[in-house]
Amino acid sequence: AREARERAEEELRQKVSQLEYHHSQANLA
C-alpha cells in the first residue's frame, strides 16, 4: 500500500492527461 501511494504521488507530480491525473488521484486515495 505504501508503494502504491508513492507511485500515485509520483504520477501526480508528472504532467499527464486529465484522465491519467484522475486515475492517479483514485489510486492515491
mmCIF file of all heavy atoms, coordinates in Angstrom:
data_MODEL
# 
_entry.id   MODEL 
# 
loop_
_atom_site.group_PDB 
_atom_site.id 
_atom_site.type_symbol 
_atom_site.label_atom_id 
_atom_site.label_alt_id 
_atom_site.label_comp_id 
_atom_site.label_asym_id 
_atom_site.label_entity_id 
_atom_site.label_seq_id 
_atom_site.pdbx_PDB_ins_code 
_atom_site.Cartn_x 
_atom_site.Cartn_y 
_atom_site.Cartn_z 
_atom_site.occupancy 
_atom_site.B_iso_or_equiv 
_atom_site.pdbx_formal_charge 
_atom_site.auth_seq_id 
_atom_site.auth_comp_id 
_atom_site.auth_asym_id 
_atom_site.auth_atom_id 
_atom_site.pdbx_PDB_model_num 
ATOM 1   N N   . ALA A 1 1  ? 0.827   -1.207 0.000   1.00 0.00 ? 1  ALA A N   1 
ATOM 2   C CA  . ALA A 1 1  ? 0.000   0.000  0.000   1.00 0.00 ? 1  ALA A CA  1 
ATOM 3   C C   . ALA A 1 1  ? 0.865   1.261  0.000   1.00 0.00 ? 1  ALA A C   1 
ATOM 4   O O   . ALA A 1 1  ? 0.550   2.237  -0.684  1.00 0.00 ? 1  ALA A O   1 
ATOM 5   C CB  . ALA A 1 1  ? -0.944  -0.004 1.196   1.00 0.00 ? 1  ALA A CB  1 
ATOM 6   N N   . ARG A 1 2  ? 1.969   1.243  0.756   1.00 0.00 ? 2  ARG A N   1 
ATOM 7   C CA  . ARG A 1 2  ? 2.881   2.399  0.759   1.00 0.00 ? 2  ARG A CA  1 
ATOM 8   C C   . ARG A 1 2  ? 3.513   2.591  -0.617  1.00 0.00 ? 2  ARG A C   1 
ATOM 9   O O   . ARG A 1 2  ? 3.641   3.716  -1.105  1.00 0.00 ? 2  ARG A O   1 
ATOM 10  C CB  . ARG A 1 2  ? 3.967   2.226  1.830   1.00 0.00 ? 2  ARG A CB  1 
ATOM 11  C CG  . ARG A 1 2  ? 3.497   2.567  3.236   1.00 0.00 ? 2  ARG A CG  1 
ATOM 12  C CD  . ARG A 1 2  ? 4.663   2.642  4.211   1.00 0.00 ? 2  ARG A CD  1 
ATOM 13  N NE  . ARG A 1 2  ? 5.362   1.380  4.367   1.00 0.00 ? 2  ARG A NE  1 
ATOM 14  C CZ  . ARG A 1 2  ? 5.008   0.421  5.221   1.00 0.00 ? 2  ARG A CZ  1 
ATOM 15  N NH1 . ARG A 1 2  ? 3.969   0.584  6.003   1.00 0.00 ? 2  ARG A NH1 1 
ATOM 16  N NH2 . ARG A 1 2  ? 5.702   -0.693 5.288   1.00 0.00 ? 2  ARG A NH2 1 
ATOM 17  N N   . GLU A 1 3  ? 3.897   1.488  -1.260  1.00 0.00 ? 3  GLU A N   1 
ATOM 18  C CA  . GLU A 1 3  ? 4.469   1.575  -2.605  1.00 0.00 ? 3  GLU A CA  1 
ATOM 19  C C   . GLU A 1 3  ? 3.447   2.122  -3.595  1.00 0.00 ? 3  GLU A C   1 
ATOM 20  O O   . GLU A 1 3  ? 3.789   2.940  -4.456  1.00 0.00 ? 3  GLU A O   1 
ATOM 21  C CB  . GLU A 1 3  ? 4.965   0.204  -3.060  1.00 0.00 ? 3  GLU A CB  1 
ATOM 22  C CG  . GLU A 1 3  ? 6.207   -0.258 -2.331  1.00 0.00 ? 3  GLU A CG  1 
ATOM 23  C CD  . GLU A 1 3  ? 6.587   -1.706 -2.646  1.00 0.00 ? 3  GLU A CD  1 
ATOM 24  O OE1 . GLU A 1 3  ? 5.828   -2.394 -3.372  1.00 0.00 ? 3  GLU A OE1 1 
ATOM 25  O OE2 . GLU A 1 3  ? 7.631   -2.160 -2.138  1.00 0.00 ? 3  GLU A OE2 1 
ATOM 26  N N   . ALA A 1 4  ? 2.186   1.706  -3.468  1.00 0.00 ? 4  ALA A N   1 
ATOM 27  C CA  . ALA A 1 4  ? 1.132   2.217  -4.345  1.00 0.00 ? 4  ALA A CA  1 
ATOM 28  C C   . ALA A 1 4  ? 0.924   3.711  -4.106  1.00 0.00 ? 4  ALA A C   1 
ATOM 29  O O   . ALA A 1 4  ? 0.728   4.480  -5.055  1.00 0.00 ? 4  ALA A O   1 
ATOM 30  C CB  . ALA A 1 4  ? -0.173  1.455  -4.105  1.00 0.00 ? 4  ALA A CB  1 
ATOM 31  N N   . ARG A 1 5  ? 0.998   4.124  -2.853  1.00 0.00 ? 5  ARG A N   1 
ATOM 32  C CA  . ARG A 1 5  ? 0.864   5.552  -2.534  1.00 0.00 ? 5  ARG A CA  1 
ATOM 33  C C   . ARG A 1 5  ? 1.997   6.347  -3.171  1.00 0.00 ? 5  ARG A C   1 
ATOM 34  O O   . ARG A 1 5  ? 1.777   7.380  -3.793  1.00 0.00 ? 5  ARG A O   1 
ATOM 35  C CB  . ARG A 1 5  ? 0.859   5.755  -1.013  1.00 0.00 ? 5  ARG A CB  1 
ATOM 36  C CG  . ARG A 1 5  ? 0.753   7.232  -0.610  1.00 0.00 ? 5  ARG A CG  1 
ATOM 37  C CD  . ARG A 1 5  ? 0.925   7.441  0.857   1.00 0.00 ? 5  ARG A CD  1 
ATOM 38  N NE  . ARG A 1 5  ? 2.293   7.068  1.228   1.00 0.00 ? 5  ARG A NE  1 
ATOM 39  C CZ  . ARG A 1 5  ? 2.667   6.817  2.472   1.00 0.00 ? 5  ARG A CZ  1 
ATOM 40  N NH1 . ARG A 1 5  ? 1.802   6.866  3.455   1.00 0.00 ? 5  ARG A NH1 1 
ATOM 41  N NH2 . ARG A 1 5  ? 3.919   6.507  2.740   1.00 0.00 ? 5  ARG A NH2 1 
ATOM 42  N N   . GLU A 1 6  ? 3.227   5.835  -3.046  1.00 0.00 ? 6  GLU A N   1 
ATOM 43  C CA  . GLU A 1 6  ? 4.392   6.528  -3.612  1.00 0.00 ? 6  GLU A CA  1 
ATOM 44  C C   . GLU A 1 6  ? 4.301   6.615  -5.131  1.00 0.00 ? 6  GLU A C   1 
ATOM 45  O O   . GLU A 1 6  ? 4.607   7.654  -5.724  1.00 0.00 ? 6  GLU A O   1 
ATOM 46  C CB  . GLU A 1 6  ? 5.681   5.831  -3.171  1.00 0.00 ? 6  GLU A CB  1 
ATOM 47  C CG  . GLU A 1 6  ? 5.967   5.994  -1.693  1.00 0.00 ? 6  GLU A CG  1 
ATOM 48  C CD  . GLU A 1 6  ? 7.049   5.061  -1.177  1.00 0.00 ? 6  GLU A CD  1 
ATOM 49  O OE1 . GLU A 1 6  ? 7.681   4.340  -1.985  1.00 0.00 ? 6  GLU A OE1 1 
ATOM 50  O OE2 . GLU A 1 6  ? 7.241   5.036  0.048   1.00 0.00 ? 6  GLU A OE2 1 
ATOM 51  N N   . ARG A 1 7  ? 3.869   5.536  -5.785  1.00 0.00 ? 7  ARG A N   1 
ATOM 52  C CA  . ARG A 1 7  ? 3.704   5.544  -7.246  1.00 0.00 ? 7  ARG A CA  1 
ATOM 53  C C   . ARG A 1 7  ? 2.667   6.586  -7.660  1.00 0.00 ? 7  ARG A C   1 
ATOM 54  O O   . ARG A 1 7  ? 2.881   7.356  -8.587  1.00 0.00 ? 7  ARG A O   1 
ATOM 55  C CB  . ARG A 1 7  ? 3.265   4.170  -7.752  1.00 0.00 ? 7  ARG A CB  1 
ATOM 56  C CG  . ARG A 1 7  ? 4.381   3.225  -8.059  1.00 0.00 ? 7  ARG A CG  1 
ATOM 57  C CD  . ARG A 1 7  ? 3.896   2.011  -8.836  1.00 0.00 ? 7  ARG A CD  1 
ATOM 58  N NE  . ARG A 1 7  ? 2.708   1.380  -8.285  1.00 0.00 ? 7  ARG A NE  1 
ATOM 59  C CZ  . ARG A 1 7  ? 2.719   0.458  -7.317  1.00 0.00 ? 7  ARG A CZ  1 
ATOM 60  N NH1 . ARG A 1 7  ? 3.860   0.060  -6.791  1.00 0.00 ? 7  ARG A NH1 1 
ATOM 61  N NH2 . ARG A 1 7  ? 1.593   -0.063 -6.881  1.00 0.00 ? 7  ARG A NH2 1 
ATOM 62  N N   . ALA A 1 8  ? 1.545   6.617  -6.951  1.00 0.00 ? 8  ALA A N   1 
ATOM 63  C CA  . ALA A 1 8  ? 0.479   7.559  -7.286  1.00 0.00 ? 8  ALA A CA  1 
ATOM 64  C C   . ALA A 1 8  ? 0.930   8.997  -7.056  1.00 0.00 ? 8  ALA A C   1 
ATOM 65  O O   . ALA A 1 8  ? 0.630   9.886  -7.870  1.00 0.00 ? 8  ALA A O   1 
ATOM 66  C CB  . ALA A 1 8  ? -0.771  7.258  -6.465  1.00 0.00 ? 8  ALA A CB  1 
ATOM 67  N N   . GLU A 1 9  ? 1.659   9.240  -5.983  1.00 0.00 ? 9  GLU A N   1 
ATOM 68  C CA  . GLU A 1 9  ? 2.166   10.592 -5.722  1.00 0.00 ? 9  GLU A CA  1 
ATOM 69  C C   . GLU A 1 9  ? 3.119   11.040 -6.829  1.00 0.00 ? 9  GLU A C   1 
ATOM 70  O O   . GLU A 1 9  ? 3.074   12.186 -7.272  1.00 0.00 ? 9  GLU A O   1 
ATOM 71  C CB  . GLU A 1 9  ? 2.854   10.652 -4.357  1.00 0.00 ? 9  GLU A CB  1 
ATOM 72  C CG  . GLU A 1 9  ? 1.889   10.569 -3.196  1.00 0.00 ? 9  GLU A CG  1 
ATOM 73  C CD  . GLU A 1 9  ? 2.562   10.404 -1.846  1.00 0.00 ? 9  GLU A CD  1 
ATOM 74  O OE1 . GLU A 1 9  ? 3.756   10.004 -1.791  1.00 0.00 ? 9  GLU A OE1 1 
ATOM 75  O OE2 . GLU A 1 9  ? 1.896   10.673 -0.836  1.00 0.00 ? 9  GLU A OE2 1 
ATOM 76  N N   . GLU A 1 10 ? 3.974   10.121 -7.277  1.00 0.00 ? 10 GLU A N   1 
ATOM 77  C CA  . GLU A 1 10 ? 4.906   10.443 -8.361  1.00 0.00 ? 10 GLU A CA  1 
ATOM 78  C C   . GLU A 1 10 ? 4.139   10.720 -9.657  1.00 0.00 ? 10 GLU A C   1 
ATOM 79  O O   . GLU A 1 10 ? 4.456   11.662 -10.391 1.00 0.00 ? 10 GLU A O   1 
ATOM 80  C CB  . GLU A 1 10 ? 5.910   9.305  -8.562  1.00 0.00 ? 10 GLU A CB  1 
ATOM 81  C CG  . GLU A 1 10 ? 6.893   9.528  -9.692  1.00 0.00 ? 10 GLU A CG  1 
ATOM 82  C CD  . GLU A 1 10 ? 7.734   10.795 -9.527  1.00 0.00 ? 10 GLU A CD  1 
ATOM 83  O OE1 . GLU A 1 10 ? 8.058   11.168 -8.381  1.00 0.00 ? 10 GLU A OE1 1 
ATOM 84  O OE2 . GLU A 1 10 ? 8.059   11.417 -10.557 1.00 0.00 ? 10 GLU A OE2 1 
ATOM 85  N N   . GLU A 1 11 ? 3.137   9.922  -9.957  1.00 0.00 ? 11 GLU A N   1 
ATOM 86  C CA  . GLU A 1 11 ? 2.339   10.130 -11.164 1.00 0.00 ? 11 GLU A CA  1 
ATOM 87  C C   . GLU A 1 11 ? 1.639   11.487 -11.124 1.00 0.00 ? 11 GLU A C   1 
ATOM 88  O O   . GLU A 1 11 ? 1.515   12.148 -12.152 1.00 0.00 ? 11 GLU A O   1 
ATOM 89  C CB  . GLU A 1 11 ? 1.299   9.013  -11.309 1.00 0.00 ? 11 GLU A CB  1 
ATOM 90  C CG  . GLU A 1 11 ? 1.906   7.671  -11.675 1.00 0.00 ? 11 GLU A CG  1 
ATOM 91  C CD  . GLU A 1 11 ? 0.920   6.521  -11.561 1.00 0.00 ? 11 GLU A CD  1 
ATOM 92  O OE1 . GLU A 1 11 ? -0.254  6.752  -11.179 1.00 0.00 ? 11 GLU A OE1 1 
ATOM 93  O OE2 . GLU A 1 11 ? 1.327   5.378  -11.830 1.00 0.00 ? 11 GLU A OE2 1 
ATOM 94  N N   . LEU A 1 12 ? 1.197   11.903 -9.937  1.00 0.00 ? 12 LEU A N   1 
ATOM 95  C CA  . LEU A 1 12 ? 0.516   13.194 -9.812  1.00 0.00 ? 12 LEU A CA  1 
ATOM 96  C C   . LEU A 1 12 ? 1.474   14.368 -10.042 1.00 0.00 ? 12 LEU A C   1 
ATOM 97  O O   . LEU A 1 12 ? 1.044   15.451 -10.435 1.00 0.00 ? 12 LEU A O   1 
ATOM 98  C CB  . LEU A 1 12 ? -0.155  13.319 -8.444  1.00 0.00 ? 12 LEU A CB  1 
ATOM 99  C CG  . LEU A 1 12 ? -1.408  12.470 -8.256  1.00 0.00 ? 12 LEU A CG  1 
ATOM 100 C CD1 . LEU A 1 12 ? -1.858  12.497 -6.800  1.00 0.00 ? 12 LEU A CD1 1 
ATOM 101 C CD2 . LEU A 1 12 ? -2.519  12.941 -9.168  1.00 0.00 ? 12 LEU A CD2 1 
ATOM 102 N N   . ARG A 1 13 ? 2.757   14.170 -9.776  1.00 0.00 ? 13 ARG A N   1 
ATOM 103 C CA  . ARG A 1 13 ? 3.744   15.230 -9.986  1.00 0.00 ? 13 ARG A CA  1 
ATOM 104 C C   . ARG A 1 13 ? 4.089   15.413 -11.463 1.00 0.00 ? 13 ARG A C   1 
ATOM 105 O O   . ARG A 1 13 ? 4.623   16.442 -11.861 1.00 0.00 ? 13 ARG A O   1 
ATOM 106 C CB  . ARG A 1 13 ? 5.020   14.928 -9.189  1.00 0.00 ? 13 ARG A CB  1 
ATOM 107 C CG  . ARG A 1 13 ? 4.884   15.199 -7.698  1.00 0.00 ? 13 ARG A CG  1 
ATOM 108 C CD  . ARG A 1 13 ? 6.226   15.124 -7.005  1.00 0.00 ? 13 ARG A CD  1 
ATOM 109 N NE  . ARG A 1 13 ? 6.700   13.774 -6.810  1.00 0.00 ? 13 ARG A NE  1 
ATOM 110 C CZ  . ARG A 1 13 ? 6.410   13.006 -5.753  1.00 0.00 ? 13 ARG A CZ  1 
ATOM 111 N NH1 . ARG A 1 13 ? 5.641   13.465 -4.805  1.00 0.00 ? 13 ARG A NH1 1 
ATOM 112 N NH2 . ARG A 1 13 ? 6.889   11.800 -5.655  1.00 0.00 ? 13 ARG A NH2 1 
ATOM 113 N N   . GLN A 1 14 ? 3.816   14.405 -12.277 1.00 0.00 ? 14 GLN A N   1 
ATOM 114 C CA  . GLN A 1 14 ? 4.154   14.470 -13.703 1.00 0.00 ? 14 GLN A CA  1 
ATOM 115 C C   . GLN A 1 14 ? 3.019   15.120 -14.490 1.00 0.00 ? 14 GLN A C   1 
ATOM 116 O O   . GLN A 1 14 ? 1.860   15.088 -14.077 1.00 0.00 ? 14 GLN A O   1 
ATOM 117 C CB  . GLN A 1 14 ? 4.414   13.060 -14.237 1.00 0.00 ? 14 GLN A CB  1 
ATOM 118 C CG  . GLN A 1 14 ? 5.570   12.378 -13.544 1.00 0.00 ? 14 GLN A CG  1 
ATOM 119 C CD  . GLN A 1 14 ? 5.712   10.936 -13.966 1.00 0.00 ? 14 GLN A CD  1 
ATOM 120 O OE1 . GLN A 1 14 ? 5.033   10.471 -14.861 1.00 0.00 ? 14 GLN A OE1 1 
ATOM 121 N NE2 . GLN A 1 14 ? 6.617   10.223 -13.312 1.00 0.00 ? 14 GLN A NE2 1 
ATOM 122 N N   . LYS A 1 15 ? 3.370   15.693 -15.628 1.00 0.00 ? 15 LYS A N   1 
ATOM 123 C CA  . LYS A 1 15 ? 2.342   16.260 -16.496 1.00 0.00 ? 15 LYS A CA  1 
ATOM 124 C C   . LYS A 1 15 ? 1.706   15.109 -17.268 1.00 0.00 ? 15 LYS A C   1 
ATOM 125 O O   . LYS A 1 15 ? 2.369   14.427 -18.049 1.00 0.00 ? 15 LYS A O   1 
ATOM 126 C CB  . LYS A 1 15 ? 2.955   17.268 -17.462 1.00 0.00 ? 15 LYS A CB  1 
ATOM 127 C CG  . LYS A 1 15 ? 3.356   18.545 -16.795 1.00 0.00 ? 15 LYS A CG  1 
ATOM 128 C CD  . LYS A 1 15 ? 3.642   19.604 -17.818 1.00 0.00 ? 15 LYS A CD  1 
ATOM 129 C CE  . LYS A 1 15 ? 3.861   20.911 -17.093 1.00 0.00 ? 15 LYS A CE  1 
ATOM 130 N NZ  . LYS A 1 15 ? 3.671   22.044 -17.942 1.00 0.00 ? 15 LYS A NZ  1 
ATOM 131 N N   . VAL A 1 16 ? 0.435   14.905 -17.021 1.00 0.00 ? 16 VAL A N   1 
ATOM 132 C CA  . VAL A 1 16 ? -0.295  13.820 -17.675 1.00 0.00 ? 16 VAL A CA  1 
ATOM 133 C C   . VAL A 1 16 ? -1.655  14.346 -18.115 1.00 0.00 ? 16 VAL A C   1 
ATOM 134 O O   . VAL A 1 16 ? -2.048  15.458 -17.780 1.00 0.00 ? 16 VAL A O   1 
ATOM 135 C CB  . VAL A 1 16 ? -0.477  12.618 -16.715 1.00 0.00 ? 16 VAL A CB  1 
ATOM 136 C CG1 . VAL A 1 16 ? 0.854   11.964 -16.394 1.00 0.00 ? 16 VAL A CG1 1 
ATOM 137 C CG2 . VAL A 1 16 ? -1.185  13.038 -15.437 1.00 0.00 ? 16 VAL A CG2 1 
ATOM 138 N N   . SER A 1 17 ? -2.372  13.523 -18.837 1.00 0.00 ? 17 SER A N   1 
ATOM 139 C CA  . SER A 1 17 ? -3.718  13.913 -19.272 1.00 0.00 ? 17 SER A CA  1 
ATOM 140 C C   . SER A 1 17 ? -4.644  14.003 -18.061 1.00 0.00 ? 17 SER A C   1 
ATOM 141 O O   . SER A 1 17 ? -4.344  13.485 -16.985 1.00 0.00 ? 17 SER A O   1 
ATOM 142 C CB  . SER A 1 17 ? -4.269  12.885 -20.262 1.00 0.00 ? 17 SER A CB  1 
ATOM 143 O OG  . SER A 1 17 ? -4.567  11.682 -19.592 1.00 0.00 ? 17 SER A OG  1 
ATOM 144 N N   . GLN A 1 18 ? -5.765  14.636 -18.260 1.00 0.00 ? 18 GLN A N   1 
ATOM 145 C CA  . GLN A 1 18 ? -6.735  14.783 -17.173 1.00 0.00 ? 18 GLN A CA  1 
ATOM 146 C C   . GLN A 1 18 ? -7.230  13.419 -16.710 1.00 0.00 ? 18 GLN A C   1 
ATOM 147 O O   . GLN A 1 18 ? -7.397  13.189 -15.509 1.00 0.00 ? 18 GLN A O   1 
ATOM 148 C CB  . GLN A 1 18 ? -7.906  15.654 -17.627 1.00 0.00 ? 18 GLN A CB  1 
ATOM 149 C CG  . GLN A 1 18 ? -8.795  16.098 -16.495 1.00 0.00 ? 18 GLN A CG  1 
ATOM 150 C CD  . GLN A 1 18 ? -9.818  17.111 -16.946 1.00 0.00 ? 18 GLN A CD  1 
ATOM 151 O OE1 . GLN A 1 18 ? -10.190 17.160 -18.107 1.00 0.00 ? 18 GLN A OE1 1 
ATOM 152 N NE2 . GLN A 1 18 ? -10.285 17.916 -16.019 1.00 0.00 ? 18 GLN A NE2 1 
ATOM 153 N N   . LEU A 1 19 ? -7.444  12.495 -17.627 1.00 0.00 ? 19 LEU A N   1 
ATOM 154 C CA  . LEU A 1 19 ? -7.891  11.146 -17.270 1.00 0.00 ? 19 LEU A CA  1 
ATOM 155 C C   . LEU A 1 19 ? -6.841  10.438 -16.418 1.00 0.00 ? 19 LEU A C   1 
ATOM 156 O O   . LEU A 1 19 ? -7.165  9.828  -15.394 1.00 0.00 ? 19 LEU A O   1 
ATOM 157 C CB  . LEU A 1 19 ? -8.190  10.337 -18.541 1.00 0.00 ? 19 LEU A CB  1 
ATOM 158 C CG  . LEU A 1 19 ? -8.612  8.888  -18.319 1.00 0.00 ? 19 LEU A CG  1 
ATOM 159 C CD1 . LEU A 1 19 ? -9.917  8.824  -17.528 1.00 0.00 ? 19 LEU A CD1 1 
ATOM 160 C CD2 . LEU A 1 19 ? -8.765  8.175  -19.647 1.00 0.00 ? 19 LEU A CD2 1 
ATOM 161 N N   . GLU A 1 20 ? -5.580  10.515 -16.833 1.00 0.00 ? 20 GLU A N   1 
ATOM 162 C CA  . GLU A 1 20 ? -4.500  9.881  -16.059 1.00 0.00 ? 20 GLU A CA  1 
ATOM 163 C C   . GLU A 1 20 ? -4.369  10.527 -14.681 1.00 0.00 ? 20 GLU A C   1 
ATOM 164 O O   . GLU A 1 20 ? -4.102  9.847  -13.694 1.00 0.00 ? 20 GLU A O   1 
ATOM 165 C CB  . GLU A 1 20 ? -3.180  9.989  -16.817 1.00 0.00 ? 20 GLU A CB  1 
ATOM 166 C CG  . GLU A 1 20 ? -3.132  9.129  -18.065 1.00 0.00 ? 20 GLU A CG  1 
ATOM 167 C CD  . GLU A 1 20 ? -1.914  9.421  -18.927 1.00 0.00 ? 20 GLU A CD  1 
ATOM 168 O OE1 . GLU A 1 20 ? -1.557  10.606 -19.079 1.00 0.00 ? 20 GLU A OE1 1 
ATOM 169 O OE2 . GLU A 1 20 ? -1.331  8.446  -19.450 1.00 0.00 ? 20 GLU A OE2 1 
ATOM 170 N N   . TYR A 1 21 ? -4.556  11.838 -14.608 1.00 0.00 ? 21 TYR A N   1 
ATOM 171 C CA  . TYR A 1 21 ? -4.495  12.546 -13.337 1.00 0.00 ? 21 TYR A CA  1 
ATOM 172 C C   . TYR A 1 21 ? -5.566  12.033 -12.377 1.00 0.00 ? 21 TYR A C   1 
ATOM 173 O O   . TYR A 1 21 ? -5.280  11.729 -11.222 1.00 0.00 ? 21 TYR A O   1 
ATOM 174 C CB  . TYR A 1 21 ? -4.673  14.049 -13.570 1.00 0.00 ? 21 TYR A CB  1 
ATOM 175 C CG  . TYR A 1 21 ? -4.692  14.858 -12.296 1.00 0.00 ? 21 TYR A CG  1 
ATOM 176 C CD1 . TYR A 1 21 ? -3.503  15.205 -11.652 1.00 0.00 ? 21 TYR A CD1 1 
ATOM 177 C CD2 . TYR A 1 21 ? -5.896  15.268 -11.731 1.00 0.00 ? 21 TYR A CD2 1 
ATOM 178 C CE1 . TYR A 1 21 ? -3.515  15.935 -10.476 1.00 0.00 ? 21 TYR A CE1 1 
ATOM 179 C CE2 . TYR A 1 21 ? -5.907  16.006 -10.554 1.00 0.00 ? 21 TYR A CE2 1 
ATOM 180 C CZ  . TYR A 1 21 ? -4.724  16.337 -9.933  1.00 0.00 ? 21 TYR A CZ  1 
ATOM 181 O OH  . TYR A 1 21 ? -4.738  17.053 -8.775  1.00 0.00 ? 21 TYR A OH  1 
ATOM 182 N N   . HIS A 1 22 ? -6.807  11.889 -12.863 1.00 0.00 ? 22 HIS A N   1 
ATOM 183 C CA  . HIS A 1 22 ? -7.895  11.400 -12.010 1.00 0.00 ? 22 HIS A CA  1 
ATOM 184 C C   . HIS A 1 22 ? -7.681  9.939  -11.617 1.00 0.00 ? 22 HIS A C   1 
ATOM 185 O O   . HIS A 1 22 ? -8.005  9.539  -10.493 1.00 0.00 ? 22 HIS A O   1 
ATOM 186 C CB  . HIS A 1 22 ? -9.249  11.596 -12.694 1.00 0.00 ? 22 HIS A CB  1 
ATOM 187 C CG  . HIS A 1 22 ? -9.658  13.032 -12.756 1.00 0.00 ? 22 HIS A CG  1 
ATOM 188 N ND1 . HIS A 1 22 ? -9.969  13.774 -11.645 1.00 0.00 ? 22 HIS A ND1 1 
ATOM 189 C CD2 . HIS A 1 22 ? -9.778  13.871 -13.810 1.00 0.00 ? 22 HIS A CD2 1 
ATOM 190 C CE1 . HIS A 1 22 ? -10.273 15.000 -11.989 1.00 0.00 ? 22 HIS A CE1 1 
ATOM 191 N NE2 . HIS A 1 22 ? -10.158 15.094 -13.306 1.00 0.00 ? 22 HIS A NE2 1 
ATOM 192 N N   . HIS A 1 23 ? -7.118  9.166  -12.513 1.00 0.00 ? 23 HIS A N   1 
ATOM 193 C CA  . HIS A 1 23 ? -6.803  7.769  -12.209 1.00 0.00 ? 23 HIS A CA  1 
ATOM 194 C C   . HIS A 1 23 ? -5.748  7.705  -11.088 1.00 0.00 ? 23 HIS A C   1 
ATOM 195 O O   . HIS A 1 23 ? -5.875  6.918  -10.151 1.00 0.00 ? 23 HIS A O   1 
ATOM 196 C CB  . HIS A 1 23 ? -6.306  7.056  -13.470 1.00 0.00 ? 23 HIS A CB  1 
ATOM 197 C CG  . HIS A 1 23 ? -6.016  5.608  -13.283 1.00 0.00 ? 23 HIS A CG  1 
ATOM 198 N ND1 . HIS A 1 23 ? -7.010  4.664  -13.126 1.00 0.00 ? 23 HIS A ND1 1 
ATOM 199 C CD2 . HIS A 1 23 ? -4.840  4.940  -13.205 1.00 0.00 ? 23 HIS A CD2 1 
ATOM 200 C CE1 . HIS A 1 23 ? -6.450  3.477  -12.960 1.00 0.00 ? 23 HIS A CE1 1 
ATOM 201 N NE2 . HIS A 1 23 ? -5.144  3.620  -13.011 1.00 0.00 ? 23 HIS A NE2 1 
ATOM 202 N N   . SER A 1 24 ? -4.724  8.557  -11.179 1.00 0.00 ? 24 SER A N   1 
ATOM 203 C CA  . SER A 1 24 ? -3.687  8.602  -10.145 1.00 0.00 ? 24 SER A CA  1 
ATOM 204 C C   . SER A 1 24 ? -4.254  9.081  -8.819  1.00 0.00 ? 24 SER A C   1 
ATOM 205 O O   . SER A 1 24 ? -3.889  8.574  -7.763  1.00 0.00 ? 24 SER A O   1 
ATOM 206 C CB  . SER A 1 24 ? -2.538  9.521  -10.578 1.00 0.00 ? 24 SER A CB  1 
ATOM 207 O OG  . SER A 1 24 ? -1.902  9.001  -11.717 1.00 0.00 ? 24 SER A OG  1 
ATOM 208 N N   . GLN A 1 25 ? -5.172  10.048 -8.867  1.00 0.00 ? 25 GLN A N   1 
ATOM 209 C CA  . GLN A 1 25 ? -5.820  10.518 -7.642  1.00 0.00 ? 25 GLN A CA  1 
ATOM 210 C C   . GLN A 1 25 ? -6.588  9.386  -6.972  1.00 0.00 ? 25 GLN A C   1 
ATOM 211 O O   . GLN A 1 25 ? -6.544  9.227  -5.749  1.00 0.00 ? 25 GLN A O   1 
ATOM 212 C CB  . GLN A 1 25 ? -6.794  11.655 -7.947  1.00 0.00 ? 25 GLN A CB  1 
ATOM 213 C CG  . GLN A 1 25 ? -6.197  13.018 -7.893  1.00 0.00 ? 25 GLN A CG  1 
ATOM 214 C CD  . GLN A 1 25 ? -7.278  14.080 -7.993  1.00 0.00 ? 25 GLN A CD  1 
ATOM 215 O OE1 . GLN A 1 25 ? -8.260  13.937 -8.726  1.00 0.00 ? 25 GLN A OE1 1 
ATOM 216 N NE2 . GLN A 1 25 ? -7.074  15.152 -7.266  1.00 0.00 ? 25 GLN A NE2 1 
ATOM 217 N N   . ALA A 1 26 ? -7.298  8.595  -7.753  1.00 0.00 ? 26 ALA A N   1 
ATOM 218 C CA  . ALA A 1 26 ? -8.065  7.474  -7.205  1.00 0.00 ? 26 ALA A CA  1 
ATOM 219 C C   . ALA A 1 26 ? -7.130  6.428  -6.602  1.00 0.00 ? 26 ALA A C   1 
ATOM 220 O O   . ALA A 1 26 ? -7.404  5.875  -5.531  1.00 0.00 ? 26 ALA A O   1 
ATOM 221 C CB  . ALA A 1 26 ? -8.934  6.839  -8.295  1.00 0.00 ? 26 ALA A CB  1 
ATOM 222 N N   . ASN A 1 27 ? -6.014  6.149  -7.279  1.00 0.00 ? 27 ASN A N   1 
ATOM 223 C CA  . ASN A 1 27 ? -5.036  5.199  -6.740  1.00 0.00 ? 27 ASN A CA  1 
ATOM 224 C C   . ASN A 1 27 ? -4.463  5.688  -5.420  1.00 0.00 ? 27 ASN A C   1 
ATOM 225 O O   . ASN A 1 27 ? -4.283  4.905  -4.477  1.00 0.00 ? 27 ASN A O   1 
ATOM 226 C CB  . ASN A 1 27 ? -3.900  4.966  -7.740  1.00 0.00 ? 27 ASN A CB  1 
ATOM 227 C CG  . ASN A 1 27 ? -4.330  4.152  -8.932  1.00 0.00 ? 27 ASN A CG  1 
ATOM 228 O OD1 . ASN A 1 27 ? -5.345  3.456  -8.892  1.00 0.00 ? 27 ASN A OD1 1 
ATOM 229 N ND2 . ASN A 1 27 ? -3.587  4.244  -10.012 1.00 0.00 ? 27 ASN A ND2 1 
ATOM 230 N N   . LEU A 1 28 ? -4.162  6.976  -5.342  1.00 0.00 ? 28 LEU A N   1 
ATOM 231 C CA  . LEU A 1 28 ? -3.624  7.551  -4.114  1.00 0.00 ? 28 LEU A CA  1 
ATOM 232 C C   . LEU A 1 28 ? -4.651  7.466  -2.989  1.00 0.00 ? 28 LEU A C   1 
ATOM 233 O O   . LEU A 1 28 ? -4.322  7.047  -1.871  1.00 0.00 ? 28 LEU A O   1 
ATOM 234 C CB  . LEU A 1 28 ? -3.216  9.007  -4.342  1.00 0.00 ? 28 LEU A CB  1 
ATOM 235 C CG  . LEU A 1 28 ? -2.684  9.753  -3.115  1.00 0.00 ? 28 LEU A CG  1 
ATOM 236 C CD1 . LEU A 1 28 ? -1.454  9.067  -2.545  1.00 0.00 ? 28 LEU A CD1 1 
ATOM 237 C CD2 . LEU A 1 28 ? -2.389  11.206 -3.476  1.00 0.00 ? 28 LEU A CD2 1 
ATOM 238 N N   . ALA A 1 29 ? -5.892  7.802  -3.262  1.00 0.00 ? 29 ALA A N   1 
ATOM 239 C CA  . ALA A 1 29 ? -6.939  7.747  -2.239  1.00 0.00 ? 29 ALA A CA  1 
ATOM 240 C C   . ALA A 1 29 ? -7.136  6.319  -1.730  1.00 0.00 ? 29 ALA A C   1 
ATOM 241 O O   . ALA A 1 29 ? -7.273  6.092  -0.522  1.00 0.00 ? 29 ALA A O   1 
ATOM 242 C CB  . ALA A 1 29 ? -8.250  8.293  -2.803  1.00 0.00 ? 29 ALA A CB  1 
# 
